[in-house]
Structures are given as C-alpha cells and as structure tokens.
Protein backbone atom coordinates (compact mmCIF):
# COMPACT_ATOMS: atom_id res chain seq x y z
CA MET A 1 104.87 101.85 101.47
CA LYS A 2 105.35 101.72 97.62
CA LEU A 3 104.22 103.75 95.33
CA THR A 4 101.89 102.81 92.56
CA ILE A 5 101.04 105.33 89.66
CA TYR A 6 98.16 105.63 86.78
CA ASN A 7 100.91 105.57 83.73
CA THR A 8 99.01 106.89 81.23
CA LEU A 9 101.34 104.94 78.22
CA THR A 10 100.34 101.85 80.10
CA ARG A 11 96.79 102.61 81.03
CA GLN A 12 97.33 100.82 84.45
CA LYS A 13 98.60 101.28 87.55
CA GLU A 14 102.06 100.49 87.97
CA THR A 15 104.64 100.38 91.13
CA PHE A 16 107.15 102.83 90.57
CA ILE A 17 110.25 101.20 90.15
CA PRO A 18 112.94 104.47 89.30
CA LEU A 19 115.50 103.97 87.04
CA HIS A 20 118.31 105.19 89.09
CA GLU A 21 117.33 104.56 92.81
CA PRO A 22 117.62 106.21 95.23
CA HIS A 23 117.61 109.29 92.73
CA ALA A 24 114.00 110.50 91.20
CA GLY A 25 113.49 112.32 88.22
CA MET A 26 110.19 114.44 86.91
CA TYR A 27 109.77 116.59 84.50
CA VAL A 28 106.10 118.40 84.13
CA CYS A 29 104.99 120.79 81.14
CA GLY A 30 104.55 124.39 82.90
CA PRO A 31 102.95 127.32 82.06
CA THR A 32 102.53 129.37 78.87
CA VAL A 33 103.75 132.78 80.37
CA TYR A 34 101.72 134.83 78.14
CA GLY A 35 98.44 135.83 80.56
CA ASP A 36 97.51 135.47 84.74
CA PRO A 37 97.19 131.66 85.69
CA HIS A 38 94.02 130.71 86.52
CA LEU A 39 92.19 127.50 87.76
CA GLY A 40 93.65 125.43 85.18
CA HIS A 41 97.01 125.83 86.08
CA ALA A 42 96.62 125.47 89.68
CA ARG A 43 95.49 121.94 89.06
CA PRO A 44 99.23 120.16 87.52
CA ALA A 45 101.08 122.59 89.62
CA ILE A 46 99.22 120.86 92.89
CA THR A 47 99.17 117.31 91.70
CA PHE A 48 102.65 116.99 91.04
CA ASP A 49 103.29 119.00 94.22
CA ILE A 50 101.72 116.08 95.87
CA LEU A 51 104.02 113.75 94.10
CA PHE A 52 107.20 115.78 94.63
CA ARG A 53 106.48 116.22 97.90
CA LEU A 54 105.55 112.23 98.46
CA LEU A 55 108.71 111.18 96.58
CA LYS A 56 110.89 112.96 99.30
CA HIS A 57 108.58 111.95 101.64
CA LEU A 58 109.67 108.09 100.76
CA GLY A 59 113.27 108.86 101.19
CA TYR A 60 114.30 109.84 97.35
CA LYS A 61 116.47 112.52 95.87
CA ALA A 62 113.76 113.74 93.88
CA ARG A 63 114.79 116.28 90.78
CA TYR A 64 111.52 117.84 89.49
CA VAL A 65 112.34 120.26 86.51
CA ARG A 66 109.09 121.95 85.21
CA ASN A 67 109.87 124.11 82.21
CA ILE A 68 108.53 127.60 81.72
CA THR A 69 107.60 128.20 77.60
CA ASP A 70 108.54 131.75 76.94
CA VAL A 71 108.61 131.16 72.86
CA GLY A 72 107.06 128.62 70.09
CA HIS A 73 103.91 127.74 71.50
CA LEU A 74 101.30 129.13 68.69
CA GLU A 75 98.27 129.94 68.91
CA HIS A 76 96.50 126.63 67.43
CA ASP A 77 98.56 123.24 68.61
CA ALA A 78 98.81 122.72 64.53
CA ASP A 79 102.00 125.17 63.79
CA ASP A 80 99.89 127.69 62.39
CA GLY A 81 98.30 131.36 63.89
CA GLU A 82 100.62 133.47 65.74
CA ASP A 83 103.05 132.82 68.95
CA LYS A 84 100.78 133.61 71.78
CA ILE A 85 103.12 135.90 74.04
CA ALA A 86 104.40 137.20 70.38
CA LYS A 87 100.85 138.61 70.43
CA LYS A 88 100.22 139.52 73.67
CA ALA A 89 103.22 141.50 73.16
CA ARG A 90 101.88 143.75 69.85
CA LEU A 91 98.83 144.08 71.58
CA GLU A 92 100.32 145.44 74.38
CA GLU A 93 103.13 147.51 72.40
CA LEU A 94 105.93 145.39 74.93
CA GLU A 95 108.77 143.47 74.03
CA PRO A 96 107.89 139.36 74.01
CA MET A 97 110.39 139.35 77.00
CA GLU A 98 108.88 141.87 79.31
CA ILE A 99 105.46 139.99 78.87
CA VAL A 100 107.42 137.00 79.96
CA GLN A 101 109.50 138.48 82.75
CA TYR A 102 105.97 140.04 83.89
CA TYR A 103 103.48 136.99 84.06
CA THR A 104 106.48 134.12 85.13
CA LEU A 105 106.76 136.42 88.04
CA ARG A 106 102.67 136.36 88.45
CA TYR A 107 102.57 132.58 87.90
CA HIS A 108 105.76 132.32 91.19
CA LYS A 109 103.38 135.17 93.32
CA ALA A 110 100.35 132.49 92.73
CA MET A 111 102.52 129.34 93.32
CA ASP A 112 103.29 130.38 96.40
CA MET A 113 99.97 131.71 97.47
CA LEU A 114 99.19 128.20 97.07
CA ASN A 115 101.86 126.39 98.73
CA VAL A 116 103.41 124.71 95.78
CA LEU A 117 106.74 124.20 96.41
CA PRO A 118 108.95 125.47 93.95
CA PRO A 119 111.14 122.84 90.85
CA SER A 120 114.96 122.02 91.62
CA ILE A 121 114.99 123.13 88.13
CA GLU A 122 112.85 126.10 86.11
CA PRO A 123 114.59 126.03 82.52
CA CYS A 124 113.22 128.85 80.37
CA ALA A 125 112.70 127.44 76.32
CA SER A 126 114.22 130.89 74.95
CA GLY A 127 117.17 129.24 77.06
CA HIS A 128 117.86 126.24 74.87
CA ILE A 129 117.62 127.10 71.49
CA ILE A 130 120.95 125.54 71.10
CA GLU A 131 119.95 122.36 72.77
CA GLN A 132 116.88 122.24 70.38
CA ILE A 133 118.77 123.12 67.52
CA ALA A 134 121.18 120.16 68.24
CA LEU A 135 117.67 117.88 68.81
CA VAL A 136 116.34 119.00 65.27
CA ARG A 137 119.75 118.27 63.41
CA LYS A 138 119.80 114.76 65.62
CA ILE A 139 116.17 113.85 63.89
CA LEU A 140 117.19 115.25 60.69
CA ASP A 141 120.00 113.17 60.49
CA ASN A 142 118.43 109.59 61.52
CA GLY A 143 116.17 110.29 58.77
CA TYR A 144 112.90 110.97 60.31
CA ALA A 145 112.68 115.09 59.02
CA TYR A 146 112.81 117.49 56.08
CA GLU A 147 113.33 120.62 55.38
CA SER A 148 110.92 122.94 53.70
CA GLU A 149 111.67 126.35 53.05
CA GLY A 150 113.77 127.08 56.11
CA SER A 151 111.10 125.33 58.22
CA VAL A 152 111.64 121.71 59.51
CA TYR A 153 108.99 119.45 59.63
CA PHE A 154 108.68 115.67 61.64
CA ASP A 155 107.63 112.90 59.28
CA VAL A 156 105.21 110.97 60.95
CA GLU A 157 104.34 108.70 58.33
CA LYS A 158 107.54 107.51 58.02
CA TYR A 159 108.17 107.03 61.57
CA ASN A 160 104.68 105.68 61.92
CA LYS A 161 106.15 102.93 59.29
CA LYS A 162 108.87 101.62 61.90
CA HIS A 163 107.34 102.88 65.27
CA ARG A 164 103.77 103.87 66.42
CA TYR A 165 102.74 107.43 66.62
CA GLY A 166 99.87 107.65 68.58
CA ILE A 167 101.08 105.07 71.27
CA LEU A 168 100.52 107.35 74.10
CA SER A 169 96.93 108.85 72.79
CA ASN A 170 95.91 105.65 71.52
CA ARG A 171 94.75 107.24 68.58
CA LYS A 172 95.67 106.17 64.93
CA ILE A 173 97.38 107.54 61.94
CA GLU A 174 94.73 107.02 59.37
CA GLU A 175 92.29 108.87 61.25
CA MET A 176 94.20 111.56 61.91
CA LEU A 177 95.39 112.00 58.16
CA ASN A 178 91.50 112.14 57.94
CA THR A 179 90.67 114.98 60.51
CA ARG A 180 93.70 117.30 60.61
CA ASP A 181 93.79 120.09 58.19
CA LEU A 182 96.46 122.44 58.95
CA ASP A 183 97.21 125.98 57.50
CA GLY A 184 100.36 126.26 55.97
CA GLN A 185 99.87 122.53 55.23
CA ASP A 186 101.13 123.57 51.99
CA GLU A 187 104.93 123.29 53.59
CA LYS A 188 104.60 119.52 54.70
CA ARG A 189 105.08 116.24 52.85
CA HIS A 190 101.64 115.03 55.49
CA PRO A 191 98.95 117.35 57.44
CA VAL A 192 99.94 115.17 60.33
CA ASP A 193 103.34 116.66 60.22
CA PHE A 194 104.15 118.64 63.13
CA ALA A 195 107.29 121.42 63.15
CA LEU A 196 110.01 121.14 64.54
CA TRP A 197 111.88 124.26 63.52
CA LYS A 198 109.83 127.54 61.86
CA LYS A 199 110.89 129.99 60.37
CA ALA A 200 110.70 133.68 60.89
CA GLN A 201 108.23 135.58 59.42
CA PRO A 202 109.51 139.32 58.78
CA GLN A 203 107.00 140.71 61.45
CA HIS A 204 108.37 137.99 64.24
CA ILE A 205 110.17 139.35 66.64
CA MET A 206 111.83 136.12 69.21
CA ARG A 207 114.18 134.49 66.09
CA TRP A 208 117.57 132.74 66.25
CA PRO A 209 119.57 131.80 63.55
CA SER A 210 120.12 127.51 62.72
CA PRO A 211 121.14 125.49 59.56
CA TRP A 212 117.70 126.24 58.22
CA SER A 213 116.86 129.82 58.55
CA ASN A 214 116.22 132.47 61.56
CA GLY A 215 113.36 131.50 63.08
CA PHE A 216 112.33 129.92 66.12
CA PRO A 217 111.59 126.03 67.79
CA GLY A 218 108.13 124.22 67.39
CA TRP A 219 106.46 124.27 70.72
CA HIS A 220 107.02 120.21 71.23
CA CYS A 221 110.90 120.02 71.08
CA GLU A 222 111.49 122.23 74.55
CA CYS A 223 110.62 119.51 76.74
CA THR A 224 112.23 116.79 74.66
CA ALA A 225 115.14 118.70 74.77
CA MET A 226 115.31 120.17 78.23
CA GLY A 227 114.06 116.94 79.80
CA LYS A 228 117.11 115.10 78.35
CA LYS A 229 119.48 118.00 79.27
CA TYR A 230 118.69 117.78 83.37
CA LEU A 231 117.36 113.94 83.29
CA GLY A 232 118.94 112.33 81.15
CA GLU A 233 118.26 110.28 78.07
CA HIS A 234 116.09 108.19 80.21
CA PHE A 235 114.31 109.65 83.68
CA ASP A 236 111.35 108.64 85.70
CA ILE A 237 108.26 110.85 85.34
CA HIS A 238 107.07 112.59 82.88
CA GLY A 239 103.12 115.05 84.33
CA GLY A 240 101.27 117.52 82.89
CA GLY A 241 97.43 117.98 82.11
CA MET A 242 95.51 115.43 80.52
CA ASP A 243 95.10 117.74 77.14
CA LEU A 244 98.62 117.71 76.55
CA ILE A 245 98.68 113.95 75.76
CA PHE A 246 98.01 114.80 72.57
CA PRO A 247 99.72 116.76 70.13
CA HIS A 248 102.33 117.41 72.68
CA HIS A 249 103.24 114.64 74.58
CA GLU A 250 102.69 112.40 71.32
CA CYS A 251 104.92 114.49 70.17
CA GLU A 252 107.65 114.09 72.82
CA ILE A 253 107.65 110.40 72.27
CA ALA A 254 108.30 111.03 68.34
CA GLN A 255 111.03 112.98 69.02
CA ALA A 256 112.41 110.87 71.65
CA VAL A 257 112.59 107.81 69.73
CA ALA A 258 113.50 109.68 67.03
CA SER A 259 116.58 111.32 68.16
CA GLN A 260 118.01 108.23 70.29
CA GLY A 261 116.15 104.93 69.30
CA ASP A 262 113.62 104.66 72.06
CA ASP A 263 111.17 106.75 74.74
CA MET A 264 113.14 109.05 77.55
CA VAL A 265 110.10 108.19 79.73
CA ARG A 266 109.03 105.50 81.98
CA TYR A 267 106.16 106.65 83.35
CA TRP A 268 103.32 109.55 82.04
CA VAL A 269 101.37 111.19 84.09
CA HIS A 270 98.66 112.95 83.73
CA ASN A 271 95.87 115.16 86.00
CA ASN A 272 92.45 115.66 84.75
CA MET A 273 90.85 118.94 83.71
CA ILE A 274 89.29 121.46 85.85
CA THR A 275 85.68 122.43 83.93
CA ILE A 276 83.08 125.17 83.98
CA ASN A 277 79.84 124.29 82.76
CA GLY A 278 81.14 121.12 81.32
CA GLN A 279 83.86 123.00 79.65
CA LYS A 280 87.75 122.65 79.94
CA MET A 281 88.68 125.81 81.58
CA GLY A 282 91.85 127.33 79.46
CA LYS A 283 92.93 130.87 78.47
CA SER A 284 92.22 129.51 74.83
CA LEU A 285 88.45 129.42 75.47
CA GLY A 286 87.89 132.87 76.81
CA ASN A 287 86.07 130.81 80.31
CA PHE A 288 88.45 131.08 83.06
CA ILE A 289 89.13 132.55 86.19
CA THR A 290 92.40 134.15 87.10
CA LEU A 291 93.40 132.46 90.72
CA GLU A 292 93.98 135.89 92.13
CA GLU A 293 90.29 137.21 91.33
CA PHE A 294 89.19 133.76 93.35
CA PHE A 295 91.82 135.19 95.56
CA THR A 296 89.94 138.86 95.39
CA GLY A 297 86.34 137.50 94.67
CA SER A 298 86.47 139.99 91.91
CA HIS A 299 85.01 137.78 88.63
CA ALA A 300 81.56 138.20 88.07
CA LEU A 301 80.99 134.37 88.46
CA LEU A 302 82.19 134.19 92.24
CA THR A 303 79.98 135.01 95.07
CA GLN A 304 82.91 135.70 97.52
CA ALA A 305 86.50 135.43 97.80
CA TYR A 306 88.71 132.08 98.23
CA SER A 307 91.75 131.67 100.64
CA PRO A 308 94.45 130.55 98.48
CA MET A 309 94.64 127.13 101.00
CA THR A 310 90.93 127.24 100.47
CA ILE A 311 91.64 126.11 96.28
CA ARG A 312 94.33 123.98 97.10
CA PHE A 313 91.73 121.67 99.83
CA PHE A 314 88.72 122.04 96.61
CA ILE A 315 91.48 120.68 94.46
CA LEU A 316 92.70 117.85 96.60
CA GLN A 317 89.52 116.88 97.55
CA ALA A 318 88.72 114.69 94.13
CA HIS A 319 91.62 112.46 92.85
CA TYR A 320 94.04 114.22 89.95
CA ARG A 321 92.39 111.68 87.64
CA SER A 322 89.15 113.07 87.99
CA THR A 323 87.07 115.93 86.51
CA VAL A 324 86.42 118.82 88.64
CA ASP A 325 83.52 120.93 87.39
CA PHE A 326 84.10 124.76 88.99
CA SER A 327 81.00 125.81 90.82
CA ASN A 328 80.72 128.36 94.10
CA GLU A 329 78.62 125.83 95.90
CA ALA A 330 81.50 123.14 95.66
CA LEU A 331 84.35 125.92 96.92
CA VAL A 332 81.85 126.83 99.60
CA ALA A 333 81.82 123.42 100.78
CA ALA A 334 85.08 122.85 100.54
CA GLN A 335 85.88 126.08 102.59
CA LYS A 336 84.18 124.60 105.33
CA GLY A 337 85.81 121.32 104.95
CA LEU A 338 89.14 123.20 105.02
CA GLU A 339 87.60 125.12 108.39
CA ARG A 340 86.41 121.61 109.98
CA LEU A 341 90.20 120.14 109.72
CA LEU A 342 92.25 122.88 111.05
CA GLU A 343 89.82 123.48 113.83
CA ALA A 344 89.88 120.06 114.62
CA TYR A 345 94.15 120.17 114.22
CA SER A 346 94.29 123.39 116.10
CA ARG A 347 92.11 121.81 119.34
CA LEU A 348 94.76 118.11 119.44
CA GLN A 349 97.36 121.29 120.08
CA LYS A 350 95.57 121.80 123.20
CA LEU A 351 94.75 118.27 124.30
CA ALA A 352 96.07 117.32 127.49
CA PRO A 353 97.54 113.72 127.74
CA SER A 354 95.93 110.94 130.14
CA ASP A 355 97.40 107.90 131.59
CA THR A 356 95.61 105.99 129.18
CA SER A 357 93.42 105.87 126.25
CA SER A 358 90.05 105.42 125.92
CA VAL A 359 89.84 106.68 122.06
CA ASP A 360 91.87 103.60 119.53
CA ILE A 361 93.87 105.72 116.80
CA THR A 362 95.33 102.67 115.51
CA GLY A 363 96.35 102.53 111.92
CA LEU A 364 95.82 106.08 111.27
CA ARG A 365 98.94 106.55 109.92
CA GLU A 366 99.15 103.14 107.29
CA LYS A 367 95.02 103.80 106.42
CA CYS A 368 97.26 107.66 105.04
CA GLU A 369 100.17 106.18 103.74
CA GLU A 370 98.52 104.05 102.06
CA ALA A 371 96.13 106.03 100.18
CA ILE A 372 98.41 108.19 99.41
CA CYS A 373 100.64 105.74 97.85
CA ASP A 374 98.04 104.36 95.77
CA ASP A 375 98.03 106.52 92.91
CA LEU A 376 97.72 110.15 95.18
CA ASN A 377 94.42 109.38 96.55
CA THR A 378 94.16 112.78 98.34
CA PRO A 379 90.36 112.77 98.93
CA ILE A 380 90.82 109.28 100.73
CA VAL A 381 93.69 110.57 102.89
CA ILE A 382 91.31 114.12 103.57
CA SER A 383 88.89 111.16 104.52
CA HIS A 384 90.49 109.51 107.50
CA LEU A 385 91.95 112.97 108.53
CA PHE A 386 87.95 113.63 108.90
CA ASP A 387 87.36 110.56 110.81
CA ALA A 388 90.38 111.07 113.29
CA GLY A 389 89.27 114.60 113.63
CA LYS A 390 85.67 113.25 114.84
CA VAL A 391 87.97 111.73 117.52
CA ILE A 392 89.90 114.94 118.39
CA ASN A 393 86.09 116.81 119.13
CA THR A 394 85.34 114.48 121.08
CA LEU A 395 88.18 114.70 123.49
CA TYR A 396 88.42 118.16 123.25
CA ASN A 397 84.43 118.31 124.42
CA GLY A 398 85.70 116.00 126.96
CA ASN A 399 84.46 112.68 126.28
CA GLY A 400 87.86 110.87 126.46
CA THR A 401 91.01 110.27 127.15
CA ILE A 402 94.05 109.77 124.97
CA SER A 403 97.51 108.98 126.48
CA ALA A 404 101.25 110.79 125.74
CA ASP A 405 101.96 108.66 123.32
CA ASP A 406 98.78 108.13 121.19
CA LEU A 407 98.74 112.16 121.67
CA GLU A 408 101.93 112.29 120.07
CA GLU A 409 101.53 110.30 117.26
CA LEU A 410 98.08 111.65 116.42
CA LYS A 411 99.98 114.94 116.09
CA THR A 412 102.66 113.70 113.82
CA VAL A 413 100.66 112.09 111.45
CA PHE A 414 98.45 115.14 111.15
CA ARG A 415 101.46 117.62 111.17
CA LEU A 416 102.76 114.94 108.31
CA PHE A 417 99.40 114.75 106.17
CA ILE A 418 97.91 118.32 106.28
CA GLU A 419 101.60 120.15 106.38
CA GLU A 420 103.59 118.21 104.96
CA LEU A 421 102.11 116.02 102.10
CA LEU A 422 98.95 117.88 101.57
CA GLY A 423 100.51 121.14 101.86
CA LEU A 424 97.80 122.85 103.82
CA GLN A 425 98.92 125.96 105.49
CA THR A 426 97.27 125.96 108.93
CA GLY A 427 97.51 129.82 109.54
CA ALA A 428 96.63 130.67 105.99
CA THR A 429 93.11 130.10 105.40
CA SER A 430 91.80 133.81 105.29
CA SER A 431 91.59 135.20 101.57
CA ASN A 432 93.41 138.34 102.58
CA SER A 433 94.37 140.75 105.52
CA HIS A 434 91.40 142.43 105.52
CA GLU A 435 89.97 138.97 106.95
CA GLU A 436 92.60 138.73 108.97
CA ALA A 437 92.11 141.95 110.77
CA TYR A 438 88.14 140.90 111.04
CA LYS A 439 89.18 138.05 112.53
CA LYS A 440 91.08 139.76 115.33
CA ALA A 441 88.28 142.31 115.15
CA ILE A 442 86.00 139.06 116.55
CA ASP A 443 88.45 138.21 118.89
CA LEU A 444 88.76 141.51 120.32
CA LEU A 445 85.01 142.12 120.58
CA LEU A 446 84.44 138.27 122.21
CA SER A 447 87.52 138.82 124.76
CA ILE A 448 85.19 142.54 126.13
CA ARG A 449 82.45 140.09 126.45
CA ARG A 450 84.35 137.74 128.56
CA GLN A 451 85.52 140.22 130.45
CA ALA A 452 82.24 141.64 131.40
CA LYS A 453 80.77 138.30 132.26
CA GLU A 454 83.54 137.99 134.65
CA ASN A 455 82.72 141.03 135.68
CA LYS A 456 79.37 140.08 136.25
CA ASP A 457 78.23 142.58 133.81
CA TRP A 458 75.08 140.59 132.11
CA ALA A 459 73.16 142.88 129.87
CA THR A 460 76.68 143.51 128.11
CA SER A 461 77.62 140.50 127.82
CA ASP A 462 74.20 139.36 126.93
CA ARG A 463 73.91 142.54 124.17
CA ILE A 464 77.50 141.20 122.63
CA ARG A 465 75.96 137.45 122.31
CA ASN A 466 72.87 138.11 120.51
CA GLU A 467 73.68 140.77 118.20
CA MET A 468 76.36 138.74 117.09
CA ALA A 469 73.80 135.92 116.86
CA THR A 470 71.65 138.38 114.78
CA PHE A 471 74.46 138.30 112.10
CA GLY A 472 74.85 134.93 112.17
CA PHE A 473 78.12 134.23 114.73
CA LYS A 474 77.84 131.72 116.71
CA VAL A 475 79.52 131.65 119.78
CA LYS A 476 80.63 128.78 122.35
CA ASP A 477 81.71 129.66 125.45
CA THR A 478 84.17 127.14 126.54
CA LYS A 479 86.43 125.98 129.54
CA ASP A 480 89.63 128.21 128.40
CA GLY A 481 87.83 131.02 126.45
CA PHE A 482 85.27 130.95 123.48
CA GLU A 483 84.99 129.93 119.84
CA TRP A 484 83.07 131.24 117.38
CA GLY A 485 82.12 130.43 114.30
CA LEU A 486 79.28 131.02 110.58
C-alpha cells in the first residue's frame, strides 16, 4: 500500500515518497514542560504515534524525533513575557530544571499509559544551545538577521523580498505588519521580526554565553537546529498541532531557508485541535483538563473516570485533521464503543474453526490498509473493524461457521490493526487498579451463582441475578459460563 498524507504546505494529499528510502525521518514538536499534560497534548502524541507505527509497518526504517522544550518559550509567542518554565519555577520556588524534570517525567508517564511509543530521539532545547548559536550565526552571516542591544532578530521584511514569509500559513506580510503590536518592538526594525537570541534580563535564571550576550535562544530556533542535527538538512516529515503553523512552523521555514537556502521539510503535517465548548483547550487559556484528571475522574467537568484506552479511542474516532470537541457524552460513547470492539476481539479468540465458512471476510485487511494509508483515516479503519465485529458476534452466537484459514486471517487482521497500528491495549480498558478489582469481584459473584445453579440452588442463583439487575447489570449465561455488562 502507498501512504498518502495531507501536506499543509501544498494544501493537498500527496503520496509519501521518502528522500532516502528505506529511511524515513520525522520531527514532531513536543511539549513545553511547565505543567501536567492535558487532552490537547494527547492528540498530537497519538496522531504521530499512529504515523510512526504505520511507517514501520510499511517497512521504512523510521527515525522519530520529538523534542522537549525546556527553555526559550515565552508566555506570548511573539517574543514577550516571561519564560514559561522560569515563571513556574519562580512561583514554586524551585530551580527551572526541577520543574523540567518533574513535568517531563509526568509527561512520559501519561504517554506510557496512552500506549504512545517513545520517539527514537527526544532532545531537549537546553542541551543544544551550541547548535542554536551556530544556526543564528549562519543566518546573520547570510544577511537575514541583525543584532540589537544584545539580542538577535530575524529580518522578516528583508527575507520576504527574496523568499515568501507566510508560505505555510498563507498569510501576507502586509497584513501581519498591521496587526502585530509587540512588546519590546523598540529593539526591532519591524514589528513582525522574531527573536533568534534574547539577551537575558538580570532576573532571568536560564542563560548561556553567546557572541552577542548572555542570554537564551528564541523559541523557534530549537526545532530547526535539532531537526538539522538528527535528521539532516532535508528530511521527510515535520509534525505538530495546527496551532503551531503560525508563528512557530512559519518561522522554522524562514530560519531553514535563511541558513541553508531552502526548506528542510518535504511534508508538513498538522493535527487539529481538541476544543472545549468550541474553544481550543490549552494551558495558556486555563480551560484544560489534565490526563490524570481524566484517568481519575477528579475534574469538576467530568462525570466519571475514563481509562487511557478510552481517551486514545476517543481521539482515534475522529480524523486527525478534524476538530474534536470534548464532552462527557462523547467520552461515554467512546468508552462503550471501545468495549464493544474489545469484546468482539475477545470473542474472536474463543471461536473454533469449522471445515467451511458461512461468513465472508474477504477484503477486510485491504479495506483497513487502504483507510489507514489514506491520510491516517482511523475512523474508517474502526468502522471496518466494527463491521467485522458483527460477523464475530454472529459466529460466537452459533449462527455461522468459519474455516481455520479465515479464522487465522481474522485474528491476524484484528491484532494488526487494534494492537499494532491503532495501539489499543486489549487488557487495559480499566481506569485504575480499583476498577480491575471491581471486575474481578463481579466475576467471583457470578462464579458463585454458576456453582449454585450446578447445585440446583435456584433461590441463591435467582437472587444474585435479580439483585444485580436492580443495580443495572446485565447477566447472560453462555455454554462456556457467563457474560456480564452494564
């Protein structure tokens, strides 16, 4: 199967052709680690986890680089305000790198729970100051930047005379000049210019020596410098959230062209936003729900806890380029859908083969591959799996037969797409160990009921069934024992 993917730069789907086949290089903007990861962080992590898994499945030797931003990201994307991590450290009375360490570990823990594969390389901005200084020096040498009072700024208007600033976001520099009113612009020649290096104020803790001042790199420098270091001057995919198209990724393109003459990236890929009441969910807006709060149900807007796999499934039910609006109703629906899919997968393992098949599973693998290779269309993959789940339930209920070859193919396809490509853990739908214990207690109670039936103790058997029904449990006796649900 050929992978097609939507390229934000060209605004169309394109066939993925790696620059150095069989190698495929992908850089994705990771978190700025000054707070707990929230649902908005989960979406790009899961989106590009799917792409990473798919690239490997298609036979590419994929190198996935996802950075940690631990310096230089100011409160406002336009070079003003306090460093987000430094501000958090000041408020908590900690060293900035204590904040970085704490929240990086929290991010990794959340990603593990979501079954997001670790990237091949996870570089930190603070560990690549030398590379960022070299990038700034190169842009200065090429005439596209200038020094001002110890800081260095990218000269956007000069760059735009020969190249196009706004090529990714489809913005015009004239409009940006009329709308961008920036704090500190007295240091700049033009308000649209952005910082490559900032001179540190006396109170600024994170600072490094440079040819221009003791200071720190601009936020946009880190990805250009680290992408070049680990993937080369030209690589295949650069990903991130749609909110990064401007200014972050636009500035990255300008930095690459200004330093080496052309863009580094062939395919720019962006996931859409998670919204809450129609507004982007984000730490800066204060409207976020952390992943831990989802897993424990401890946020005021949540009616219950949701397992990591429910969150993953909720995100995969929508195409990565569409907006997903948070609601408890949508999460409950995702939870029930995941339970149905995993129940079918569990029943599949219990099916016995027959000599012939009365059901038709022809083309299931091809349809799923076609969908996931068509710009990561996970909702269509899931719909095909649900259709196959109906076939499995028919067989499980004794209303059909399946041959050994067809059964093995069905098991292989479900394992490939549910576990390996969609990354859904089949044994991890509970939100915590308490729910696992609760399920085991129900199983124990129903085992006692089954023993009572075998002993013809109908009173005990009926009492357990009837009282469980009053609590909302549905119990179904099967030839192999029992099943239950809510």
